[in-house]
């Protein structure tokens, strides 16, 4: 049995602390990933609806790391002194 690209991505995200709350939504604290109907994922926080669009890709670990970087940069931009809480 082969593992699909989505299964690999979900495994990589779960290894980064993400929890599936529905078939199309993952959460880690106040951070949210929504898988839309195309090949993109929408990223935002519950406190700030700033959305990043991330393309679906074969580079699953790279994509999981990119998502972490985008959330860290967003948090730094919103935090006095530019420090993250993670």
C-alpha atoms as a PDB file:
ATOM      1  CA  UNK A   1       0.000   0.000   0.000  1.00  0.00           C
ATOM      2  CA  UNK A   2       1.401   3.383  -0.941  1.00  0.00           C
ATOM      3  CA  UNK A   3       1.054   6.462   1.187  1.00  0.00           C
ATOM      4  CA  UNK A   4      -0.598   9.397  -0.556  1.00  0.00           C
ATOM      5  CA  UNK A   5       0.975  12.835  -0.708  1.00  0.00           C
ATOM      6  CA  UNK A   6      -1.750  14.138   1.625  1.00  0.00           C
ATOM      7  CA  UNK A   7      -1.073  11.357   4.145  1.00  0.00           C
ATOM      8  CA  UNK A   8       2.625  12.256   4.113  1.00  0.00           C
ATOM      9  CA  UNK A   9       1.862  15.941   4.593  1.00  0.00           C
ATOM     10  CA  UNK A  10      -0.567  15.234   7.442  1.00  0.00           C
ATOM     11  CA  UNK A  11       2.028  13.016   9.130  1.00  0.00           C
ATOM     12  CA  UNK A  12       4.653  15.768   8.802  1.00  0.00           C
ATOM     13  CA  UNK A  13       2.265  18.385  10.209  1.00  0.00           C
ATOM     14  CA  UNK A  14       1.216  16.127  13.092  1.00  0.00           C
ATOM     15  CA  UNK A  15       4.891  15.626  13.926  1.00  0.00           C
ATOM     16  CA  UNK A  16       5.036  19.434  14.262  1.00  0.00           C
ATOM     17  CA  UNK A  17       2.207  19.384  16.822  1.00  0.00           C
ATOM     18  CA  UNK A  18      -0.826  19.901  14.571  1.00  0.00           C
ATOM     19  CA  UNK A  19      -4.131  18.215  15.468  1.00  0.00           C
ATOM     20  CA  UNK A  20      -6.874  17.429  12.938  1.00  0.00           C
ATOM     21  CA  UNK A  21     -10.198  18.878  14.110  1.00  0.00           C
ATOM     22  CA  UNK A  22     -12.038  17.996  10.888  1.00  0.00           C
ATOM     23  CA  UNK A  23     -11.328  16.571   7.452  1.00  0.00           C
ATOM     24  CA  UNK A  24     -10.220  19.997   6.202  1.00  0.00           C
ATOM     25  CA  UNK A  25      -8.925  21.752   9.342  1.00  0.00           C
ATOM     26  CA  UNK A  26      -5.843  21.395  11.542  1.00  0.00           C
ATOM     27  CA  UNK A  27      -5.078  23.422  14.664  1.00  0.00           C
ATOM     28  CA  UNK A  28      -2.079  24.040  16.881  1.00  0.00           C
ATOM     29  CA  UNK A  29      -3.035  26.405  19.665  1.00  0.00           C
ATOM     30  CA  UNK A  30      -4.629  29.424  17.976  1.00  0.00           C
ATOM     31  CA  UNK A  31      -3.040  28.614  14.599  1.00  0.00           C
ATOM     32  CA  UNK A  32      -5.291  27.143  11.905  1.00  0.00           C
ATOM     33  CA  UNK A  33      -4.718  25.405   8.579  1.00  0.00           C
ATOM     34  CA  UNK A  34      -7.681  25.008   6.243  1.00  0.00           C
ATOM     35  CA  UNK A  35      -7.402  22.823   3.160  1.00  0.00           C
ATOM     36  CA  UNK A  36      -9.517  24.597   0.555  1.00  0.00           C
ATOM     37  CA  UNK A  37     -11.094  23.051  -2.533  1.00  0.00           C
ATOM     38  CA  UNK A  38      -8.089  23.719  -4.734  1.00  0.00           C
ATOM     39  CA  UNK A  39      -4.429  22.756  -4.259  1.00  0.00           C
ATOM     40  CA  UNK A  40      -3.871  25.427  -1.577  1.00  0.00           C
ATOM     41  CA  UNK A  41      -3.936  25.657   2.190  1.00  0.00           C
ATOM     42  CA  UNK A  42      -5.052  28.793   4.040  1.00  0.00           C
ATOM     43  CA  UNK A  43      -3.158  29.711   7.220  1.00  0.00           C
ATOM     44  CA  UNK A  44      -4.408  32.083   9.904  1.00  0.00           C
ATOM     45  CA  UNK A  45      -4.651  32.554  13.641  1.00  0.00           C
ATOM     46  CA  UNK A  46      -7.844  32.812  15.645  1.00  0.00           C
ATOM     47  CA  UNK A  47      -6.800  36.266  16.862  1.00  0.00           C
ATOM     48  CA  UNK A  48      -5.714  37.575  13.481  1.00  0.00           C
ATOM     49  CA  UNK A  49      -7.412  36.515  10.295  1.00  0.00           C
ATOM     50  CA  UNK A  50      -4.295  37.288   8.267  1.00  0.00           C
ATOM     51  CA  UNK A  51      -4.176  34.523   5.698  1.00  0.00           C
ATOM     52  CA  UNK A  52      -1.190  32.983   3.998  1.00  0.00           C
ATOM     53  CA  UNK A  53      -1.847  30.708   1.048  1.00  0.00           C
ATOM     54  CA  UNK A  54       0.512  27.748   0.802  1.00  0.00           C
ATOM     55  CA  UNK A  55       0.561  25.565  -2.314  1.00  0.00           C
ATOM     56  CA  UNK A  56       0.124  21.835  -2.236  1.00  0.00           C
ATOM     57  CA  UNK A  57       3.502  20.301  -3.025  1.00  0.00           C
ATOM     58  CA  UNK A  58       5.382  17.012  -3.125  1.00  0.00           C
ATOM     59  CA  UNK A  59       7.871  18.460  -0.610  1.00  0.00           C
ATOM     60  CA  UNK A  60       5.932  17.490   2.504  1.00  0.00           C
ATOM     61  CA  UNK A  61       8.597  18.138   5.166  1.00  0.00           C
ATOM     62  CA  UNK A  62       9.569  21.390   3.426  1.00  0.00           C
ATOM     63  CA  UNK A  63       5.908  22.466   3.402  1.00  0.00           C
ATOM     64  CA  UNK A  64       5.490  21.668   7.115  1.00  0.00           C
ATOM     65  CA  UNK A  65       8.620  23.717   7.875  1.00  0.00           C
ATOM     66  CA  UNK A  66       7.382  26.584   5.665  1.00  0.00           C
ATOM     67  CA  UNK A  67       4.107  26.660   7.596  1.00  0.00           C
ATOM     68  CA  UNK A  68       6.045  26.904  10.889  1.00  0.00           C
ATOM     69  CA  UNK A  69       8.185  29.757   9.514  1.00  0.00           C
ATOM     70  CA  UNK A  70       5.153  31.682   8.238  1.00  0.00           C
ATOM     71  CA  UNK A  71       3.379  31.426  11.594  1.00  0.00           C
ATOM     72  CA  UNK A  72       6.575  32.401  13.476  1.00  0.00           C
ATOM     73  CA  UNK A  73       7.073  35.451  11.235  1.00  0.00           C
ATOM     74  CA  UNK A  74       3.440  36.456  11.630  1.00  0.00           C
ATOM     75  CA  UNK A  75       3.698  36.123  15.420  1.00  0.00           C
ATOM     76  CA  UNK A  76       6.918  38.172  15.487  1.00  0.00           C
ATOM     77  CA  UNK A  77       5.228  40.903  13.458  1.00  0.00           C
ATOM     78  CA  UNK A  78       2.398  41.083  16.007  1.00  0.00           C
ATOM     79  CA  UNK A  79       4.460  40.803  19.198  1.00  0.00           C
ATOM     80  CA  UNK A  80       6.255  43.732  20.842  1.00  0.00           C
ATOM     81  CA  UNK A  81       9.982  43.187  20.515  1.00  0.00           C
ATOM     82  CA  UNK A  82       9.469  40.636  17.748  1.00  0.00           C
ATOM     83  CA  UNK A  83       9.752  37.568  20.011  1.00  0.00           C
ATOM     84  CA  UNK A  84       7.776  34.389  19.421  1.00  0.00           C
ATOM     85  CA  UNK A  85       6.023  32.516  22.205  1.00  0.00           C
ATOM     86  CA  UNK A  86       6.889  29.065  20.839  1.00  0.00           C
END
